[in-house]
Amino acid sequence: MRFEVDPDDGRTESMIHQTELRDHLASKSVAILGCGGLGSNCAAMLVRTGVLHLTLVDFDTVEAENLNRQEYFLDQIGLPKVEALAATLWRIDEAVDVRTIDGCIDADGLLSMVAGADVIVEAVDVAETKAMIMQVCSRELPDIPLVAASGLAGY
């Protein structure tokens, strides 16, 4: 019995699929609430995958002790996380459209922070804020997917 091996090995089909996926994702918008270990890495992976519209929300600054798990660089220490992350994302893909909100997330401002998002990523540390985000989004934005995770400040 003789087996023939396709020299392309399915790579052309895979490349076509990846191009179609990137084209689809390029028009989507993701709001990321919290730009620490979860949010900063999620943002970078989304841009690498093809998402070109992001809203970044965080109140904190880049700290040296978090560089081992967050998507920041030494020269960004002390900068607001949203500004530093936007700069990092532009290094990945200069076509990315980034809206930054340097501030705290509260129930009164949440809807305006995530306005226009096709998907919302909850990546905050405080349990009460996580619960509030889930309550407001499930009540006010039931058709918008909410991706939630638990990271809780590196623990």
Protein backbone atom coordinates (compact mmCIF):
# COMPACT_ATOMS: atom_id res chain seq x y z
CA MET A 1 0.00 0.00 0.00
CA ARG A 2 1.37 3.41 -0.96
CA PHE A 3 0.45 6.68 0.76
CA GLU A 4 0.74 9.98 -1.01
CA VAL A 5 1.56 13.03 1.06
CA ASP A 6 0.16 16.37 0.02
CA PRO A 7 3.13 18.77 0.09
CA ASP A 8 0.74 21.58 1.06
CA ASP A 9 -0.45 19.53 4.06
CA GLY A 10 -3.62 21.64 4.41
CA ARG A 11 -1.76 24.91 5.00
CA THR A 12 -3.45 26.76 2.13
CA GLU A 13 -6.91 25.95 3.48
CA SER A 14 -5.81 27.00 6.96
CA MET A 15 -4.44 30.31 5.65
CA ILE A 16 -7.72 31.03 3.82
CA HIS A 17 -9.67 30.30 7.02
CA GLN A 18 -7.36 32.56 9.07
CA THR A 19 -7.74 35.39 6.57
CA GLU A 20 -11.54 35.09 6.66
CA LEU A 21 -11.49 35.05 10.47
CA ARG A 22 -9.22 38.13 10.67
CA ASP A 23 -11.49 39.98 8.22
CA HIS A 24 -14.51 39.12 10.38
CA LEU A 25 -12.80 40.13 13.63
CA ALA A 26 -11.45 43.41 12.23
CA SER A 27 -14.92 44.94 12.38
CA LYS A 28 -15.66 43.79 15.95
CA SER A 29 -15.25 45.90 19.08
CA VAL A 30 -14.25 44.63 22.52
CA ALA A 31 -14.42 46.57 25.79
CA ILE A 32 -11.87 45.40 28.34
CA LEU A 33 -12.63 46.35 31.94
CA GLY A 34 -9.36 46.09 33.85
CA CYS A 35 -5.94 46.18 32.20
CA GLY A 36 -3.85 44.10 34.60
CA GLY A 37 -2.71 40.51 34.20
CA LEU A 38 -5.92 39.29 32.59
CA GLY A 39 -6.96 42.37 30.66
CA SER A 40 -3.59 43.38 29.22
CA ASN A 41 -2.82 39.87 27.97
CA CYS A 42 -6.34 39.47 26.60
CA ALA A 43 -6.02 42.77 24.71
CA ALA A 44 -2.72 41.74 23.14
CA MET A 45 -4.07 38.35 22.07
CA LEU A 46 -7.22 39.91 20.61
CA VAL A 47 -5.18 42.33 18.50
CA ARG A 48 -2.87 39.52 17.38
CA THR A 49 -5.99 37.57 16.36
CA GLY A 50 -7.38 40.46 14.32
CA VAL A 51 -9.66 42.54 16.57
CA LEU A 52 -9.02 46.18 15.64
CA HIS A 53 -11.41 48.12 17.91
CA LEU A 54 -10.86 48.10 21.66
CA THR A 55 -11.99 50.15 24.63
CA LEU A 56 -9.60 49.90 27.58
CA VAL A 57 -10.79 50.87 31.07
CA ASP A 58 -8.57 51.03 34.16
CA PHE A 59 -7.62 53.55 36.86
CA ASP A 60 -4.20 52.16 37.79
CA THR A 61 -0.59 52.70 36.70
CA VAL A 62 2.05 50.24 35.49
CA GLU A 63 4.17 48.89 38.36
CA ALA A 64 7.53 47.09 38.14
CA GLU A 65 6.45 44.17 40.32
CA ASN A 66 3.69 43.26 37.84
CA LEU A 67 5.80 43.12 34.67
CA ASN A 68 6.18 39.35 34.99
CA ARG A 69 2.46 38.83 34.28
CA GLN A 70 1.23 41.98 32.54
CA GLU A 71 1.73 43.12 28.94
CA TYR A 72 3.90 46.16 29.74
CA PHE A 73 7.55 47.17 29.47
CA LEU A 74 10.14 48.76 31.78
CA ASP A 75 9.88 52.15 30.09
CA GLN A 76 6.12 52.20 30.86
CA ILE A 77 6.46 52.01 34.66
CA GLY A 78 4.44 54.81 36.24
CA LEU A 79 2.26 55.42 33.18
CA PRO A 80 -1.51 54.94 33.31
CA LYS A 81 -2.20 51.35 32.30
CA VAL A 82 -4.65 52.35 29.57
CA GLU A 83 -2.10 54.64 27.89
CA ALA A 84 0.73 52.12 28.17
CA LEU A 85 -1.44 49.28 26.90
CA ALA A 86 -2.64 51.35 23.94
CA ALA A 87 1.00 52.01 23.02
CA THR A 88 1.78 48.30 23.32
CA LEU A 89 -1.17 47.39 21.11
CA TRP A 90 -0.08 49.89 18.45
CA ARG A 91 3.31 48.16 18.45
CA ILE A 92 1.49 44.91 17.63
CA ASP A 93 -0.74 46.43 14.93
CA GLU A 94 -0.64 50.13 14.11
CA ALA A 95 -4.13 49.90 12.58
CA VAL A 96 -5.79 49.14 15.93
CA ASP A 97 -8.33 51.73 17.06
CA VAL A 98 -8.06 52.14 20.84
CA ARG A 99 -10.37 54.16 23.08
CA THR A 100 -8.95 54.65 26.58
CA ILE A 101 -10.80 55.47 29.79
CA ASP A 102 -8.51 56.22 32.72
CA GLY A 103 -10.89 55.90 35.65
CA CYS A 104 -12.80 53.71 38.04
CA ILE A 105 -15.65 51.49 36.93
CA ASP A 106 -18.96 52.18 38.63
CA ALA A 107 -22.60 51.32 37.95
CA ASP A 108 -23.45 54.85 36.80
CA GLY A 109 -20.72 55.02 34.15
CA LEU A 110 -20.45 51.40 33.07
CA LEU A 111 -22.89 51.56 30.14
CA SER A 112 -21.15 54.56 28.58
CA MET A 113 -17.77 52.84 29.05
CA VAL A 114 -18.84 49.76 27.08
CA ALA A 115 -21.04 51.55 24.52
CA GLY A 116 -20.69 50.02 21.07
CA ALA A 117 -18.87 46.89 22.21
CA ASP A 118 -19.70 43.58 20.57
CA VAL A 119 -18.10 41.76 23.53
CA ILE A 120 -17.26 42.88 27.07
CA VAL A 121 -14.31 41.41 28.98
CA GLU A 122 -14.47 41.70 32.77
CA ALA A 123 -10.91 41.52 34.09
CA VAL A 124 -11.04 43.44 37.38
CA ASP A 125 -9.64 42.42 40.74
CA VAL A 126 -12.32 43.52 43.22
CA ALA A 127 -15.09 40.97 43.79
CA GLU A 128 -17.75 43.64 44.37
CA THR A 129 -16.88 45.37 41.10
CA LYS A 130 -16.98 42.03 39.27
CA ALA A 131 -20.46 41.37 40.68
CA MET A 132 -21.66 44.86 39.74
CA ILE A 133 -20.40 44.48 36.17
CA MET A 134 -22.17 41.14 35.82
CA GLN A 135 -25.41 42.50 37.29
CA VAL A 136 -25.51 45.63 35.13
CA CYS A 137 -24.51 43.81 31.94
CA SER A 138 -26.96 40.94 32.42
CA ARG A 139 -29.78 43.39 33.15
CA GLU A 140 -29.01 46.17 30.62
CA LEU A 141 -27.03 44.36 27.89
CA PRO A 142 -28.35 40.78 27.86
CA ASP A 143 -27.45 40.25 24.18
CA ILE A 144 -23.80 41.35 24.53
CA PRO A 145 -21.47 38.48 25.48
CA LEU A 146 -19.70 39.08 28.80
CA VAL A 147 -16.43 37.21 29.29
CA ALA A 148 -15.53 37.04 32.98
CA ALA A 149 -12.56 35.54 34.74
CA SER A 150 -11.08 35.46 38.18
CA GLY A 151 -7.56 36.69 38.59
CA LEU A 152 -7.84 38.76 41.76
CA ALA A 153 -4.59 40.73 41.76
CA GLY A 154 -2.20 37.93 40.97
CA TYR A 155 -3.60 35.37 43.42
